[in-house]
Amino acid sequence: MLNASYTKGNDQFGYSIFGSVKVAKFADIYARFDDLHSNKDWNIAKDERAAVWVWSFSALRHSLR
C-alpha cells in the first residue's frame, strides 16, 4: 500500500497489466489495464480504471526486405 500525500490513513493500492501479441510479420497488438483504489473510499473521486489497446502496423519496414 502507498501512503498518499504522506497523510496517515490515506492509503492507495492498484495494479497494472501489460501485454503484447505479434499477429503478423508486420503487425502487433499492445494492451494495458490499470486499476487504482483508495482504502475506505477517502479518494473515491479519483479511484479509476483505465484500459488502452493499440494496433501497431508497419508496412514500410517489411516491404523493403
C-alpha atoms as a PDB file:
ATOM      1  CA  MET A   1       0.000   0.000   0.000  1.00  0.00           C
ATOM      2  CA  LEU A   2       1.089   3.556  -0.638  1.00  0.00           C
ATOM      3  CA  ASN A   3       0.532   6.325   1.866  1.00  0.00           C
ATOM      4  CA  ALA A   4      -0.824   9.104  -0.367  1.00  0.00           C
ATOM      5  CA  SER A   5       0.418  12.653   0.256  1.00  0.00           C
ATOM      6  CA  TYR A   6       2.069  11.457   3.478  1.00  0.00           C
ATOM      7  CA  THR A   7      -1.296  11.548   5.268  1.00  0.00           C
ATOM      8  CA  LYS A   8      -1.944   8.816   7.816  1.00  0.00           C
ATOM      9  CA  GLY A   9      -4.819   6.556   6.755  1.00  0.00           C
ATOM     10  CA  ASN A  10      -4.836   7.759   3.145  1.00  0.00           C
ATOM     11  CA  ASP A  11      -3.654   4.527   1.583  1.00  0.00           C
ATOM     12  CA  GLN A  12      -3.936   3.665  -2.089  1.00  0.00           C
ATOM     13  CA  PHE A  13      -3.361   0.427  -3.929  1.00  0.00           C
ATOM     14  CA  GLY A  14      -3.537  -0.708  -7.506  1.00  0.00           C
ATOM     15  CA  TYR A  15      -2.082  -2.791 -10.272  1.00  0.00           C
ATOM     16  CA  SER A  16      -1.225  -2.642 -13.962  1.00  0.00           C
ATOM     17  CA  ILE A  17      -1.266  -5.431 -16.517  1.00  0.00           C
ATOM     18  CA  PHE A  18       0.565  -5.112 -19.833  1.00  0.00           C
ATOM     19  CA  GLY A  19       0.795  -7.491 -22.759  1.00  0.00           C
ATOM     20  CA  SER A  20       1.615  -7.647 -26.422  1.00  0.00           C
ATOM     21  CA  VAL A  21       0.994 -10.114 -29.225  1.00  0.00           C
ATOM     22  CA  LYS A  22       2.544 -10.299 -32.698  1.00  0.00           C
ATOM     23  CA  VAL A  23      -0.402 -11.034 -35.003  1.00  0.00           C
ATOM     24  CA  ALA A  24       1.522 -10.899 -38.274  1.00  0.00           C
ATOM     25  CA  LYS A  25       5.020 -10.219 -39.597  1.00  0.00           C
ATOM     26  CA  PHE A  26       4.135  -6.525 -39.814  1.00  0.00           C
ATOM     27  CA  ALA A  27       1.547  -6.065 -37.025  1.00  0.00           C
ATOM     28  CA  ASP A  28       1.389  -6.148 -33.217  1.00  0.00           C
ATOM     29  CA  ILE A  29      -1.330  -5.579 -30.629  1.00  0.00           C
ATOM     30  CA  TYR A  30      -0.480  -3.972 -27.283  1.00  0.00           C
ATOM     31  CA  ALA A  31      -2.811  -3.740 -24.295  1.00  0.00           C
ATOM     32  CA  ARG A  32      -2.600  -2.222 -20.808  1.00  0.00           C
ATOM     33  CA  PHE A  33      -5.065  -2.177 -17.918  1.00  0.00           C
ATOM     34  CA  ASP A  34      -4.651  -0.038 -14.764  1.00  0.00           C
ATOM     35  CA  ASP A  35      -6.714  -0.201 -11.576  1.00  0.00           C
ATOM     36  CA  LEU A  36      -6.250   2.276  -8.679  1.00  0.00           C
ATOM     37  CA  HIS A  37      -8.273   2.347  -5.446  1.00  0.00           C
ATOM     38  CA  SER A  38      -8.134   4.116  -2.096  1.00  0.00           C
ATOM     39  CA  ASN A  39      -8.915   2.449   1.196  1.00  0.00           C
ATOM     40  CA  LYS A  40     -12.198   3.394   2.901  1.00  0.00           C
ATOM     41  CA  ASP A  41     -13.159   5.469  -0.181  1.00  0.00           C
ATOM     42  CA  TRP A  42     -11.429   8.642   1.067  1.00  0.00           C
ATOM     43  CA  ASN A  43     -10.441   9.490  -2.512  1.00  0.00           C
ATOM     44  CA  ILE A  44     -13.287   7.858  -4.426  1.00  0.00           C
ATOM     45  CA  ALA A  45     -13.479  10.711  -6.969  1.00  0.00           C
ATOM     46  CA  LYS A  46     -10.004   9.779  -8.240  1.00  0.00           C
ATOM     47  CA  ASP A  47     -10.287   5.978  -7.952  1.00  0.00           C
ATOM     48  CA  GLU A  48     -10.260   4.742 -11.507  1.00  0.00           C
ATOM     49  CA  ARG A  49      -9.697   2.029 -14.055  1.00  0.00           C
ATOM     50  CA  ALA A  50      -8.239   2.535 -17.494  1.00  0.00           C
ATOM     51  CA  ALA A  51      -7.684   0.283 -20.495  1.00  0.00           C
ATOM     52  CA  VAL A  52      -5.670   1.009 -23.624  1.00  0.00           C
ATOM     53  CA  TRP A  53      -5.492  -1.094 -26.802  1.00  0.00           C
ATOM     54  CA  VAL A  54      -3.052  -0.279 -29.622  1.00  0.00           C
ATOM     55  CA  TRP A  55      -2.723  -1.862 -33.059  1.00  0.00           C
ATOM     56  CA  SER A  56       0.766  -1.288 -34.473  1.00  0.00           C
ATOM     57  CA  PHE A  57       1.154  -1.702 -38.235  1.00  0.00           C
ATOM     58  CA  SER A  58       4.357  -1.202 -40.234  1.00  0.00           C
ATOM     59  CA  ALA A  59       4.016  -1.810 -43.965  1.00  0.00           C
ATOM     60  CA  LEU A  60       7.143   0.081 -45.000  1.00  0.00           C
ATOM     61  CA  ARG A  61       9.588  -1.632 -42.652  1.00  0.00           C
ATOM     62  CA  HIS A  62       8.838  -5.124 -44.036  1.00  0.00           C
ATOM     63  CA  SER A  63       8.282  -4.188 -47.674  1.00  0.00           C
ATOM     64  CA  LEU A  64      11.924  -3.092 -48.048  1.00  0.00           C
ATOM     65  CA  ARG A  65      13.390  -6.506 -47.161  1.00  0.00           C
END
